[in-house]
Amino acid sequence: MVGGGQSGLAAAHALRASRLAPVIAEASDRPVGSWPRYYDSLTLFSPARYSALPGLPFDGDPDRYPRRDEVVDYLQRYADRLDADIRTRTRVQSVTADGPHYIAHLTGGSPTPAALWPP
């Protein structure tokens, strides 16, 4: 999967629930998406109870509106609990078809073998 933000992490969670082994390629140094680069006072427009990803609620009052740094911490906790191969500082250079499979050619990070999908 490309990207370790909210959608990439939630998709990896769904794949794990289906007993698949997802590989996440995240260009930055940690799997929290673009959140650390947003402005300091950013606040979610929906309460924590509706902003949580599958399997892990936000800590604290479910009716509060989490701020940027809370979201960054939450996404890092989510990634840490996720049983997935998360490769930071890794980009997807290209994706090619190989019969019924797709191969993602990765750059950067370590290690960087190609990933097959479906398995």
PDB file of N, CA and C in Angstrom:
ATOM      1  N   MET A   1       0.837  -1.161   0.000  1.00  0.00           N
ATOM      2  CA  MET A   1       0.000   0.000   0.000  1.00  0.00           C
ATOM      3  C   MET A   1       0.887   1.231   0.000  1.00  0.00           C
ATOM      4  N   VAL A   2       0.362   2.272  -0.574  1.00  0.00           N
ATOM      5  CA  VAL A   2       1.116   3.512  -0.653  1.00  0.00           C
ATOM      6  C   VAL A   2       0.603   4.457   0.419  1.00  0.00           C
ATOM      7  N   GLY A   3       1.473   4.843   1.336  1.00  0.00           N
ATOM      8  CA  GLY A   3       1.132   5.829   2.349  1.00  0.00           C
ATOM      9  C   GLY A   3       0.729   5.232   3.677  1.00  0.00           C
ATOM     10  N   GLY A   4       1.274   5.834   4.743  1.00  0.00           N
ATOM     11  CA  GLY A   4       0.989   5.377   6.095  1.00  0.00           C
ATOM     12  C   GLY A   4       0.164   6.378   6.881  1.00  0.00           C
ATOM     13  N   GLY A   5      -0.704   7.115   6.207  1.00  0.00           N
ATOM     14  CA  GLY A   5      -1.628   8.006   6.905  1.00  0.00           C
ATOM     15  C   GLY A   5      -2.852   7.237   7.350  1.00  0.00           C
ATOM     16  N   GLN A   6      -3.939   7.977   7.654  1.00  0.00           N
ATOM     17  CA  GLN A   6      -5.142   7.323   8.173  1.00  0.00           C
ATOM     18  C   GLN A   6      -5.671   6.241   7.240  1.00  0.00           C
ATOM     19  N   SER A   7      -5.810   6.537   5.960  1.00  0.00           N
ATOM     20  CA  SER A   7      -6.412   5.550   5.059  1.00  0.00           C
ATOM     21  C   SER A   7      -5.510   4.339   4.867  1.00  0.00           C
ATOM     22  N   GLY A   8      -4.200   4.543   4.771  1.00  0.00           N
ATOM     23  CA  GLY A   8      -3.281   3.415   4.628  1.00  0.00           C
ATOM     24  C   GLY A   8      -3.287   2.516   5.845  1.00  0.00           C
ATOM     25  N   LEU A   9      -3.302   3.129   7.036  1.00  0.00           N
ATOM     26  CA  LEU A   9      -3.325   2.343   8.268  1.00  0.00           C
ATOM     27  C   LEU A   9      -4.645   1.592   8.428  1.00  0.00           C
ATOM     28  N   ALA A  10      -5.759   2.261   8.114  1.00  0.00           N
ATOM     29  CA  ALA A  10      -7.065   1.603   8.221  1.00  0.00           C
ATOM     30  C   ALA A  10      -7.179   0.467   7.204  1.00  0.00           C
ATOM     31  N   ALA A  11      -6.658   0.667   5.994  1.00  0.00           N
ATOM     32  CA  ALA A  11      -6.691  -0.394   4.984  1.00  0.00           C
ATOM     33  C   ALA A  11      -5.834  -1.576   5.434  1.00  0.00           C
ATOM     34  N   ALA A  12      -4.674  -1.290   6.022  1.00  0.00           N
ATOM     35  CA  ALA A  12      -3.815  -2.367   6.530  1.00  0.00           C
ATOM     36  C   ALA A  12      -4.526  -3.145   7.630  1.00  0.00           C
ATOM     37  N   HIS A  13      -5.258  -2.450   8.488  1.00  0.00           N
ATOM     38  CA  HIS A  13      -6.039  -3.112   9.539  1.00  0.00           C
ATOM     39  C   HIS A  13      -7.061  -4.070   8.922  1.00  0.00           C
ATOM     40  N   ALA A  14      -7.749  -3.622   7.864  1.00  0.00           N
ATOM     41  CA  ALA A  14      -8.736  -4.473   7.199  1.00  0.00           C
ATOM     42  C   ALA A  14      -8.077  -5.676   6.544  1.00  0.00           C
ATOM     43  N   LEU A  15      -6.909  -5.474   5.955  1.00  0.00           N
ATOM     44  CA  LEU A  15      -6.197  -6.599   5.348  1.00  0.00           C
ATOM     45  C   LEU A  15      -5.755  -7.608   6.406  1.00  0.00           C
ATOM     46  N   ARG A  16      -5.289  -7.124   7.553  1.00  0.00           N
ATOM     47  CA  ARG A  16      -4.896  -8.027   8.649  1.00  0.00           C
ATOM     48  C   ARG A  16      -6.111  -8.826   9.125  1.00  0.00           C
ATOM     49  N   ALA A  17      -7.271  -8.162   9.202  1.00  0.00           N
ATOM     50  CA  ALA A  17      -8.489  -8.860   9.621  1.00  0.00           C
ATOM     51  C   ALA A  17      -8.862  -9.953   8.626  1.00  0.00           C
ATOM     52  N   SER A  18      -8.430  -9.809   7.380  1.00  0.00           N
ATOM     53  CA  SER A  18      -8.674 -10.824   6.345  1.00  0.00           C
ATOM     54  C   SER A  18      -7.518 -11.816   6.254  1.00  0.00           C
ATOM     55  N   ARG A  19      -6.619 -11.741   7.226  1.00  0.00           N
ATOM     56  CA  ARG A  19      -5.458 -12.641   7.321  1.00  0.00           C
ATOM     57  C   ARG A  19      -4.463 -12.471   6.171  1.00  0.00           C
ATOM     58  N   LEU A  20      -4.364 -11.244   5.673  1.00  0.00           N
ATOM     59  CA  LEU A  20      -3.355 -10.912   4.672  1.00  0.00           C
ATOM     60  C   LEU A  20      -2.231 -10.151   5.356  1.00  0.00           C
ATOM     61  N   ALA A  21      -1.078 -10.088   4.719  1.00  0.00           N
ATOM     62  CA  ALA A  21       0.097  -9.432   5.293  1.00  0.00           C
ATOM     63  C   ALA A  21       0.417  -8.160   4.496  1.00  0.00           C
ATOM     64  N   PRO A  22      -0.140  -7.025   4.900  1.00  0.00           N
ATOM     65  CA  PRO A  22       0.085  -5.800   4.134  1.00  0.00           C
ATOM     66  C   PRO A  22       1.500  -5.246   4.291  1.00  0.00           C
ATOM     67  N   VAL A  23       1.962  -4.586   3.239  1.00  0.00           N
ATOM     68  CA  VAL A  23       3.216  -3.842   3.255  1.00  0.00           C
ATOM     69  C   VAL A  23       2.845  -2.391   2.984  1.00  0.00           C
ATOM     70  N   ILE A  24       3.253  -1.498   3.884  1.00  0.00           N
ATOM     71  CA  ILE A  24       2.975  -0.076   3.722  1.00  0.00           C
ATOM     72  C   ILE A  24       4.275   0.632   3.385  1.00  0.00           C
ATOM     73  N   ALA A  25       4.279   1.374   2.292  1.00  0.00           N
ATOM     74  CA  ALA A  25       5.423   2.202   1.909  1.00  0.00           C
ATOM     75  C   ALA A  25       5.094   3.648   2.272  1.00  0.00           C
ATOM     76  N   GLU A  26       5.823   4.197   3.224  1.00  0.00           N
ATOM     77  CA  GLU A  26       5.596   5.565   3.709  1.00  0.00           C
ATOM     78  C   GLU A  26       6.841   6.400   3.431  1.00  0.00           C
ATOM     79  N   ALA A  27       6.672   7.500   2.719  1.00  0.00           N
ATOM     80  CA  ALA A  27       7.812   8.332   2.312  1.00  0.00           C
ATOM     81  C   ALA A  27       8.482   9.044   3.482  1.00  0.00           C
ATOM     82  N   SER A  28       7.730   9.392   4.517  1.00  0.00           N
ATOM     83  CA  SER A  28       8.311  10.137   5.633  1.00  0.00           C
ATOM     84  C   SER A  28       8.989   9.187   6.626  1.00  0.00           C
ATOM     85  N   ASP A  29       9.449   9.746   7.731  1.00  0.00           N
ATOM     86  CA  ASP A  29      10.207   8.946   8.696  1.00  0.00           C
ATOM     87  C   ASP A  29       9.347   8.205   9.707  1.00  0.00           C
ATOM     88  N   ARG A  30       8.016   8.398   9.651  1.00  0.00           N
ATOM     89  CA  ARG A  30       7.122   7.653  10.542  1.00  0.00           C
ATOM     90  C   ARG A  30       5.734   7.554   9.929  1.00  0.00           C
ATOM     91  N   PRO A  31       4.969   6.544  10.301  1.00  0.00           N
ATOM     92  CA  PRO A  31       3.673   6.285   9.666  1.00  0.00           C
ATOM     93  C   PRO A  31       2.532   7.117  10.259  1.00  0.00           C
ATOM     94  N   VAL A  32       2.578   8.411  10.019  1.00  0.00           N
ATOM     95  CA  VAL A  32       1.526   9.297  10.524  1.00  0.00           C
ATOM     96  C   VAL A  32       1.011  10.242   9.440  1.00  0.00           C
ATOM     97  N   GLY A  33       1.333   9.936   8.196  1.00  0.00           N
ATOM     98  CA  GLY A  33       0.862  10.755   7.091  1.00  0.00           C
ATOM     99  C   GLY A  33       1.427  12.159   7.134  1.00  0.00           C
ATOM    100  N   SER A  34       0.631  13.110   6.685  1.00  0.00           N
ATOM    101  CA  SER A  34       1.055  14.516   6.594  1.00  0.00           C
ATOM    102  C   SER A  34       0.815  15.302   7.873  1.00  0.00           C
ATOM    103  N   TRP A  35       0.235  14.686   8.864  1.00  0.00           N
ATOM    104  CA  TRP A  35      -0.177  15.407  10.071  1.00  0.00           C
ATOM    105  C   TRP A  35       0.913  16.241  10.729  1.00  0.00           C
ATOM    106  N   PRO A  36       2.150  15.790  10.845  1.00  0.00           N
ATOM    107  CA  PRO A  36       3.158  16.624  11.507  1.00  0.00           C
ATOM    108  C   PRO A  36       3.453  17.936  10.762  1.00  0.00           C
ATOM    109  N   ARG A  37       3.102  17.999   9.485  1.00  0.00           N
ATOM    110  CA  ARG A  37       3.388  19.196   8.695  1.00  0.00           C
ATOM    111  C   ARG A  37       2.226  20.185   8.668  1.00  0.00           C
ATOM    112  N   TYR A  38       1.108  19.844   9.275  1.00  0.00           N
ATOM    113  CA  TYR A  38      -0.029  20.763   9.327  1.00  0.00           C
ATOM    114  C   TYR A  38       0.212  21.818  10.398  1.00  0.00           C
ATOM    115  N   TYR A  39      -0.541  22.896  10.348  1.00  0.00           N
ATOM    116  CA  TYR A  39      -0.334  23.991  11.300  1.00  0.00           C
ATOM    117  C   TYR A  39      -0.666  23.559  12.731  1.00  0.00           C
ATOM    118  N   ASP A  40       0.051  24.157  13.684  1.00  0.00           N
ATOM    119  CA  ASP A  40       0.007  23.749  15.095  1.00  0.00           C
ATOM    120  C   ASP A  40      -1.389  23.725  15.698  1.00  0.00           C
ATOM    121  N   SER A  41      -2.230  24.678  15.338  1.00  0.00           N
ATOM    122  CA  SER A  41      -3.531  24.787  15.996  1.00  0.00           C
ATOM    123  C   SER A  41      -4.634  23.999  15.292  1.00  0.00           C
ATOM    124  N   LEU A  42      -4.284  23.169  14.331  1.00  0.00           N
ATOM    125  CA  LEU A  42      -5.286  22.385  13.610  1.00  0.00           C
ATOM    126  C   LEU A  42      -6.066  21.513  14.586  1.00  0.00           C
ATOM    127  N   THR A  43      -7.380  21.541  14.448  1.00  0.00           N
ATOM    128  CA  THR A  43      -8.282  20.738  15.268  1.00  0.00           C
ATOM    129  C   THR A  43      -9.217  19.977  14.338  1.00  0.00           C
ATOM    130  N   LEU A  44      -9.472  18.712  14.635  1.00  0.00           N
ATOM    131  CA  LEU A  44     -10.402  17.939  13.816  1.00  0.00           C
ATOM    132  C   LEU A  44     -11.780  18.579  13.833  1.00  0.00           C
ATOM    133  N   PHE A  45     -12.529  18.422  12.754  1.00  0.00           N
ATOM    134  CA  PHE A  45     -13.872  18.984  12.679  1.00  0.00           C
ATOM    135  C   PHE A  45     -14.936  18.031  13.198  1.00  0.00           C
ATOM    136  N   SER A  46     -14.523  16.844  13.623  1.00  0.00           N
ATOM    137  CA  SER A  46     -15.461  15.884  14.194  1.00  0.00           C
ATOM    138  C   SER A  46     -14.914  15.389  15.528  1.00  0.00           C
ATOM    139  N   PRO A  47     -15.803  15.004  16.442  1.00  0.00           N
ATOM    140  CA  PRO A  47     -15.355  14.521  17.748  1.00  0.00           C
ATOM    141  C   PRO A  47     -14.522  13.254  17.642  1.00  0.00           C
ATOM    142  N   ALA A  48     -13.750  13.007  18.674  1.00  0.00           N
ATOM    143  CA  ALA A  48     -12.845  11.858  18.715  1.00  0.00           C
ATOM    144  C   ALA A  48     -13.587  10.553  18.453  1.00  0.00           C
ATOM    145  N   ARG A  49     -14.796  10.410  18.969  1.00  0.00           N
ATOM    146  CA  ARG A  49     -15.540   9.161  18.798  1.00  0.00           C
ATOM    147  C   ARG A  49     -15.783   8.831  17.331  1.00  0.00           C
ATOM    148  N   TYR A  50     -15.856   9.834  16.458  1.00  0.00           N
ATOM    149  CA  TYR A  50     -16.101   9.611  15.035  1.00  0.00           C
ATOM    150  C   TYR A  50     -14.820   9.676  14.205  1.00  0.00           C
ATOM    151  N   SER A  51     -13.709  10.008  14.821  1.00  0.00           N
ATOM    152  CA  SER A  51     -12.450  10.180  14.097  1.00  0.00           C
ATOM    153  C   SER A  51     -11.477   9.025  14.297  1.00  0.00           C
ATOM    154  N   ALA A  52     -11.803   8.101  15.179  1.00  0.00           N
ATOM    155  CA  ALA A  52     -10.919   6.972  15.462  1.00  0.00           C
ATOM    156  C   ALA A  52     -10.917   5.983  14.296  1.00  0.00           C
ATOM    157  N   LEU A  53      -9.821   5.290  14.160  1.00  0.00           N
ATOM    158  CA  LEU A  53      -9.701   4.239  13.158  1.00  0.00           C
ATOM    159  C   LEU A  53     -10.197   2.919  13.754  1.00  0.00           C
ATOM    160  N   PRO A  54     -10.488   1.933  12.904  1.00  0.00           N
ATOM    161  CA  PRO A  54     -11.020   0.654  13.396  1.00  0.00           C
ATOM    162  C   PRO A  54     -10.093  -0.009  14.417  1.00  0.00           C
ATOM    163  N   GLY A  55     -10.684  -0.419  15.543  1.00  0.00           N
ATOM    164  CA  GLY A  55      -9.950  -1.196  16.526  1.00  0.00           C
ATOM    165  C   GLY A  55      -9.235  -0.419  17.607  1.00  0.00           C
ATOM    166  N   LEU A  56      -9.221   0.929  17.533  1.00  0.00           N
ATOM    167  CA  LEU A  56      -8.524   1.704  18.561  1.00  0.00           C
ATOM    168  C   LEU A  56      -9.193   3.067  18.734  1.00  0.00           C
ATOM    169  N   PRO A  57      -9.936   3.258  19.818  1.00  0.00           N
ATOM    170  CA  PRO A  57     -10.528   4.568  20.060  1.00  0.00           C
ATOM    171  C   PRO A  57      -9.467   5.575  20.492  1.00  0.00           C
ATOM    172  N   PHE A  58      -9.767   6.850  20.293  1.00  0.00           N
ATOM    173  CA  PHE A  58      -8.919   7.907  20.841  1.00  0.00           C
ATOM    174  C   PHE A  58      -8.998   7.844  22.362  1.00  0.00           C
ATOM    175  N   ASP A  59      -7.914   8.178  23.048  1.00  0.00           N
ATOM    176  CA  ASP A  59      -7.927   8.287  24.503  1.00  0.00           C
ATOM    177  C   ASP A  59      -8.746   9.512  24.909  1.00  0.00           C
ATOM    178  N   GLY A  60      -9.230   9.499  26.128  1.00  0.00           N
ATOM    179  CA  GLY A  60      -9.897  10.673  26.685  1.00  0.00           C
ATOM    180  C   GLY A  60     -11.353  10.796  26.291  1.00  0.00           C
ATOM    181  N   ASP A  61     -11.879  11.999  26.482  1.00  0.00           N
ATOM    182  CA  ASP A  61     -13.280  12.304  26.240  1.00  0.00           C
ATOM    183  C   ASP A  61     -13.633  12.081  24.769  1.00  0.00           C
ATOM    184  N   PRO A  62     -14.583  11.192  24.481  1.00  0.00           N
ATOM    185  CA  PRO A  62     -14.930  10.914  23.087  1.00  0.00           C
ATOM    186  C   PRO A  62     -15.637  12.071  22.389  1.00  0.00           C
ATOM    187  N   ASP A  63     -16.092  13.065  23.158  1.00  0.00           N
ATOM    188  CA  ASP A  63     -16.788  14.209  22.560  1.00  0.00           C
ATOM    189  C   ASP A  63     -15.873  15.402  22.281  1.00  0.00           C
ATOM    190  N   ARG A  64     -14.590  15.288  22.635  1.00  0.00           N
ATOM    191  CA  ARG A  64     -13.682  16.403  22.377  1.00  0.00           C
ATOM    192  C   ARG A  64     -13.215  16.357  20.924  1.00  0.00           C
ATOM    193  N   TYR A  65     -12.643  17.448  20.466  1.00  0.00           N
ATOM    194  CA  TYR A  65     -12.126  17.565  19.107  1.00  0.00           C
ATOM    195  C   TYR A  65     -10.599  17.532  19.169  1.00  0.00           C
ATOM    196  N   PRO A  66      -9.976  16.416  18.788  1.00  0.00           N
ATOM    197  CA  PRO A  66      -8.519  16.280  18.917  1.00  0.00           C
ATOM    198  C   PRO A  66      -7.749  17.306  18.081  1.00  0.00           C
ATOM    199  N   ARG A  67      -6.628  17.729  18.618  1.00  0.00           N
ATOM    200  CA  ARG A  67      -5.740  18.672  17.942  1.00  0.00           C
ATOM    201  C   ARG A  67      -4.676  17.900  17.174  1.00  0.00           C
ATOM    202  N   ARG A  68      -3.937  18.622  16.370  1.00  0.00           N
ATOM    203  CA  ARG A  68      -2.940  18.011  15.482  1.00  0.00           C
ATOM    204  C   ARG A  68      -2.006  17.042  16.200  1.00  0.00           C
ATOM    205  N   ASP A  69      -1.378  17.483  17.278  1.00  0.00           N
ATOM    206  CA  ASP A  69      -0.398  16.630  17.947  1.00  0.00           C
ATOM    207  C   ASP A  69      -1.032  15.379  18.543  1.00  0.00           C
ATOM    208  N   GLU A  70      -2.289  15.480  18.980  1.00  0.00           N
ATOM    209  CA  GLU A  70      -2.998  14.292  19.470  1.00  0.00           C
ATOM    210  C   GLU A  70      -3.214  13.293  18.341  1.00  0.00           C
ATOM    211  N   VAL A  71      -3.535  13.805  17.159  1.00  0.00           N
ATOM    212  CA  VAL A  71      -3.756  12.929  16.007  1.00  0.00           C
ATOM    213  C   VAL A  71      -2.444  12.247  15.618  1.00  0.00           C
ATOM    214  N   VAL A  72      -1.344  12.991  15.609  1.00  0.00           N
ATOM    215  CA  VAL A  72      -0.036  12.409  15.297  1.00  0.00           C
ATOM    216  C   VAL A  72       0.287  11.286  16.280  1.00  0.00           C
ATOM    217  N   ASP A  73       0.120  11.546  17.572  1.00  0.00           N
ATOM    218  CA  ASP A  73       0.395  10.525  18.594  1.00  0.00           C
ATOM    219  C   ASP A  73      -0.524   9.310  18.420  1.00  0.00           C
ATOM    220  N   TYR A  74      -1.798   9.573  18.146  1.00  0.00           N
ATOM    221  CA  TYR A  74      -2.766   8.500  17.953  1.00  0.00           C
ATOM    222  C   TYR A  74      -2.374   7.615  16.764  1.00  0.00           C
ATOM    223  N   LEU A  75      -2.037   8.236  15.632  1.00  0.00           N
ATOM    224  CA  LEU A  75      -1.662   7.464  14.444  1.00  0.00           C
ATOM    225  C   LEU A  75      -0.396   6.641  14.685  1.00  0.00           C
ATOM    226  N   GLN A  76       0.552   7.195  15.443  1.00  0.00           N
ATOM    227  CA  GLN A  76       1.760   6.430  15.756  1.00  0.00           C
ATOM    228  C   GLN A  76       1.417   5.226  16.632  1.00  0.00           C
ATOM    229  N   ARG A  77       0.548   5.418  17.645  1.00  0.00           N
ATOM    230  CA  ARG A  77       0.114   4.294  18.485  1.00  0.00           C
ATOM    231  C   ARG A  77      -0.597   3.232  17.641  1.00  0.00           C
ATOM    232  N   TYR A  78      -1.441   3.698  16.733  1.00  0.00           N
ATOM    233  CA  TYR A  78      -2.177   2.777  15.867  1.00  0.00           C
ATOM    234  C   TYR A  78      -1.205   1.950  15.030  1.00  0.00           C
ATOM    235  N   ALA A  79      -0.226   2.608  14.428  1.00  0.00           N
ATOM    236  CA  ALA A  79       0.765   1.911  13.603  1.00  0.00           C
ATOM    237  C   ALA A  79       1.581   0.932  14.436  1.00  0.00           C
ATOM    238  N   ASP A  80       1.926   1.337  15.660  1.00  0.00           N
ATOM    239  CA  ASP A  80       2.717   0.466  16.533  1.00  0.00           C
ATOM    240  C   ASP A  80       1.969  -0.813  16.897  1.00  0.00           C
ATOM    241  N   ARG A  81       0.653  -0.747  16.984  1.00  0.00           N
ATOM    242  CA  ARG A  81      -0.159  -1.915  17.345  1.00  0.00           C
ATOM    243  C   ARG A  81      -0.533  -2.762  16.136  1.00  0.00           C
ATOM    244  N   LEU A  82      -0.373  -2.199  14.968  1.00  0.00           N
ATOM    245  CA  LEU A  82      -0.763  -2.871  13.737  1.00  0.00           C
ATOM    246  C   LEU A  82       0.301  -3.897  13.367  1.00  0.00           C
ATOM    247  N   ASP A  83      -0.111  -5.093  13.112  1.00  0.00           N
ATOM    248  CA  ASP A  83       0.830  -6.150  12.740  1.00  0.00           C
ATOM    249  C   ASP A  83       1.031  -6.099  11.228  1.00  0.00           C
ATOM    250  N   ALA A  84       1.786  -5.079  10.787  1.00  0.00           N
ATOM    251  CA  ALA A  84       2.011  -4.888   9.354  1.00  0.00           C
ATOM    252  C   ALA A  84       3.461  -4.505   9.113  1.00  0.00           C
ATOM    253  N   ASP A  85       3.926  -4.783   7.921  1.00  0.00           N
ATOM    254  CA  ASP A  85       5.276  -4.415   7.494  1.00  0.00           C
ATOM    255  C   ASP A  85       5.219  -2.961   7.027  1.00  0.00           C
ATOM    256  N   ILE A  86       5.650  -2.034   7.883  1.00  0.00           N
ATOM    257  CA  ILE A  86       5.625  -0.605   7.553  1.00  0.00           C
ATOM    258  C   ILE A  86       7.051  -0.179   7.242  1.00  0.00           C
ATOM    259  N   ARG A  87       7.264   0.286   6.028  1.00  0.00           N
ATOM    260  CA  ARG A  87       8.599   0.689   5.582  1.00  0.00           C
ATOM    261  C   ARG A  87       8.637   2.208   5.426  1.00  0.00           C
ATOM    262  N   THR A  88       9.288   2.861   6.374  1.00  0.00           N
ATOM    263  CA  THR A  88       9.394   4.312   6.314  1.00  0.00           C
ATOM    264  C   THR A  88      10.560   4.718   5.418  1.00  0.00           C
ATOM    265  N   ARG A  89      10.541   6.002   5.036  1.00  0.00           N
ATOM    266  CA  ARG A  89      11.537   6.540   4.098  1.00  0.00           C
ATOM    267  C   ARG A  89      11.593   5.692   2.821  1.00  0.00           C
ATOM    268  N   THR A  90      10.434   5.211   2.426  1.00  0.00           N
ATOM    269  CA  THR A  90      10.315   4.339   1.264  1.00  0.00           C
ATOM    270  C   THR A  90       9.235   4.878   0.340  1.00  0.00           C
ATOM    271  N   ARG A  91       9.551   4.957  -0.934  1.00  0.00           N
ATOM    272  CA  ARG A  91       8.594   5.421  -1.939  1.00  0.00           C
ATOM    273  C   ARG A  91       8.315   4.317  -2.945  1.00  0.00           C
ATOM    274  N   VAL A  92       7.129   4.357  -3.516  1.00  0.00           N
ATOM    275  CA  VAL A  92       6.793   3.450  -4.599  1.00  0.00           C
ATOM    276  C   VAL A  92       7.224   4.132  -5.888  1.00  0.00           C
ATOM    277  N   GLN A  93       8.212   3.540  -6.562  1.00  0.00           N
ATOM    278  CA  GLN A  93       8.736   4.106  -7.797  1.00  0.00           C
ATOM    279  C   GLN A  93       7.799   3.796  -8.961  1.00  0.00           C
ATOM    280  N   SER A  94       7.309   2.555  -9.001  1.00  0.00           N
ATOM    281  CA  SER A  94       6.390   2.156 -10.063  1.00  0.00           C
ATOM    282  C   SER A  94       5.687   0.872  -9.641  1.00  0.00           C
ATOM    283  N   VAL A  95       4.609   0.566 -10.340  1.00  0.00           N
ATOM    284  CA  VAL A  95       3.880  -0.681 -10.133  1.00  0.00           C
ATOM    285  C   VAL A  95       3.715  -1.320 -11.503  1.00  0.00           C
ATOM    286  N   THR A  96       4.071  -2.589 -11.611  1.00  0.00           N
ATOM    287  CA  THR A  96       3.955  -3.296 -12.879  1.00  0.00           C
ATOM    288  C   THR A  96       3.149  -4.576 -12.684  1.00  0.00           C
ATOM    289  N   ALA A  97       2.508  -4.991 -13.753  1.00  0.00           N
ATOM    290  CA  ALA A  97       1.734  -6.229 -13.729  1.00  0.00           C
ATOM    291  C   ALA A  97       2.641  -7.387 -14.112  1.00  0.00           C
ATOM    292  N   ASP A  98       2.445  -8.512 -13.442  1.00  0.00           N
ATOM    293  CA  ASP A  98       3.164  -9.740 -13.739  1.00  0.00           C
ATOM    294  C   ASP A  98       2.135 -10.864 -13.704  1.00  0.00           C
ATOM    295  N   GLY A  99       1.453 -11.059 -14.825  1.00  0.00           N
ATOM    296  CA  GLY A  99       0.352 -12.022 -14.860  1.00  0.00           C
ATOM    297  C   GLY A  99      -0.759 -11.528 -13.945  1.00  0.00           C
ATOM    298  N   PRO A 100      -1.221 -12.377 -13.015  1.00  0.00           N
ATOM    299  CA  PRO A 100      -2.306 -11.962 -12.115  1.00  0.00           C
ATOM    300  C   PRO A 100      -1.816 -11.135 -10.918  1.00  0.00           C
ATOM    301  N   HIS A 101      -0.501 -10.921 -10.820  1.00  0.00           N
ATOM    302  CA  HIS A 101       0.075 -10.201  -9.686  1.00  0.00           C
ATOM    303  C   HIS A 101       0.524  -8.800 -10.093  1.00  0.00           C
ATOM    304  N   TYR A 102       0.681  -7.950  -9.095  1.00  0.00           N
ATOM    305  CA  TYR A 102       1.261  -6.622  -9.284  1.00  0.00           C
ATOM    306  C   TYR A 102       2.516  -6.543  -8.433  1.00  0.00           C
ATOM    307  N   ILE A 103       3.544  -5.926  -8.982  1.00  0.00           N
ATOM    308  CA  ILE A 103       4.806  -5.768  -8.272  1.00  0.00           C
ATOM    309  C   ILE A 103       5.028  -4.285  -8.039  1.00  0.00           C
ATOM    310  N   ALA A 104       5.204  -3.910  -6.769  1.00  0.00           N
ATOM    311  CA  ALA A 104       5.518  -2.525  -6.418  1.00  0.00           C
ATOM    312  C   ALA A 104       7.031  -2.410  -6.297  1.00  0.00           C
ATOM    313  N   HIS A 105       7.617  -1.544  -7.092  1.00  0.00           N
ATOM    314  CA  HIS A 105       9.058  -1.318  -7.072  1.00  0.00           C
ATOM    315  C   HIS A 105       9.327  -0.162  -6.120  1.00  0.00           C
ATOM    316  N   LEU A 106      10.048  -0.440  -5.036  1.00  0.00           N
ATOM    317  CA  LEU A 106      10.256   0.510  -3.956  1.00  0.00           C
ATOM    318  C   LEU A 106      11.642   1.129  -4.032  1.00  0.00           C
ATOM    319  N   THR A 107      11.751   2.372  -3.560  1.00  0.00           N
ATOM    320  CA  THR A 107      13.048   3.039  -3.470  1.00  0.00           C
ATOM    321  C   THR A 107      13.222   3.587  -2.066  1.00  0.00           C
ATOM    322  N   GLY A 108      14.484   3.691  -1.644  1.00  0.00           N
ATOM    323  CA  GLY A 108      14.772   4.207  -0.311  1.00  0.00           C
ATOM    324  C   GLY A 108      14.493   3.155   0.746  1.00  0.00           C
ATOM    325  N   GLY A 109      14.622   3.567   2.002  1.00  0.00           N
ATOM    326  CA  GLY A 109      14.320   2.659   3.105  1.00  0.00           C
ATOM    327  C   GLY A 109      15.219   1.442   3.107  1.00  0.00           C
ATOM    328  N   SER A 110      14.901   0.542   3.999  1.00  0.00           N
ATOM    329  CA  SER A 110      15.674  -0.683   4.093  1.00  0.00           C
ATOM    330  C   SER A 110      14.819  -1.735   4.778  1.00  0.00           C
ATOM    331  N   PRO A 111      14.647  -2.891   4.249  1.00  0.00           N
ATOM    332  CA  PRO A 111      15.046  -3.339   2.922  1.00  0.00           C
ATOM    333  C   PRO A 111      14.047  -2.864   1.874  1.00  0.00           C
ATOM    334  N   THR A 112      14.376  -3.018   0.591  1.00  0.00           N
ATOM    335  CA  THR A 112      13.487  -2.545  -0.460  1.00  0.00           C
ATOM    336  C   THR A 112      13.196  -3.586  -1.532  1.00  0.00           C
ATOM    337  N   PRO A 113      12.821  -4.795  -1.157  1.00  0.00           N
ATOM    338  CA  PRO A 113      12.439  -5.755  -2.197  1.00  0.00           C
ATOM    339  C   PRO A 113      11.090  -5.378  -2.779  1.00  0.00           C
ATOM    340  N   ALA A 114      10.800  -5.905  -3.952  1.00  0.00           N
ATOM    341  CA  ALA A 114       9.490  -5.664  -4.557  1.00  0.00           C
ATOM    342  C   ALA A 114       8.430  -6.434  -3.783  1.00  0.00           C
ATOM    343  N   ALA A 115       7.227  -5.907  -3.782  1.00  0.00           N
ATOM    344  CA  ALA A 115       6.119  -6.553  -3.083  1.00  0.00           C
ATOM    345  C   ALA A 115       5.122  -7.076  -4.114  1.00  0.00           C
ATOM    346  N   LEU A 116       4.589  -8.250  -3.897  1.00  0.00           N
ATOM    347  CA  LEU A 116       3.612  -8.831  -4.805  1.00  0.00           C
ATOM    348  C   LEU A 116       2.201  -8.671  -4.267  1.00  0.00           C
ATOM    349  N   TRP A 117       1.257  -8.435  -5.169  1.00  0.00           N
ATOM    350  CA  TRP A 117      -0.151  -8.426  -4.804  1.00  0.00           C
ATOM    351  C   TRP A 117      -0.944  -8.967  -5.970  1.00  0.00           C
ATOM    352  N   PRO A 118      -1.928  -9.796  -5.795  1.00  0.00           N
ATOM    353  CA  PRO A 118      -2.202 -10.496  -4.538  1.00  0.00           C
ATOM    354  C   PRO A 118      -1.140 -11.535  -4.247  1.00  0.00           C
ATOM    355  N   PRO A 119      -1.099 -12.016  -2.989  1.00  0.00           N
ATOM    356  CA  PRO A 119      -0.051 -12.981  -2.591  1.00  0.00           C
ATOM    357  C   PRO A 119      -0.142 -14.278  -3.368  1.00  0.00           C
TER     358      PRO A 119
END
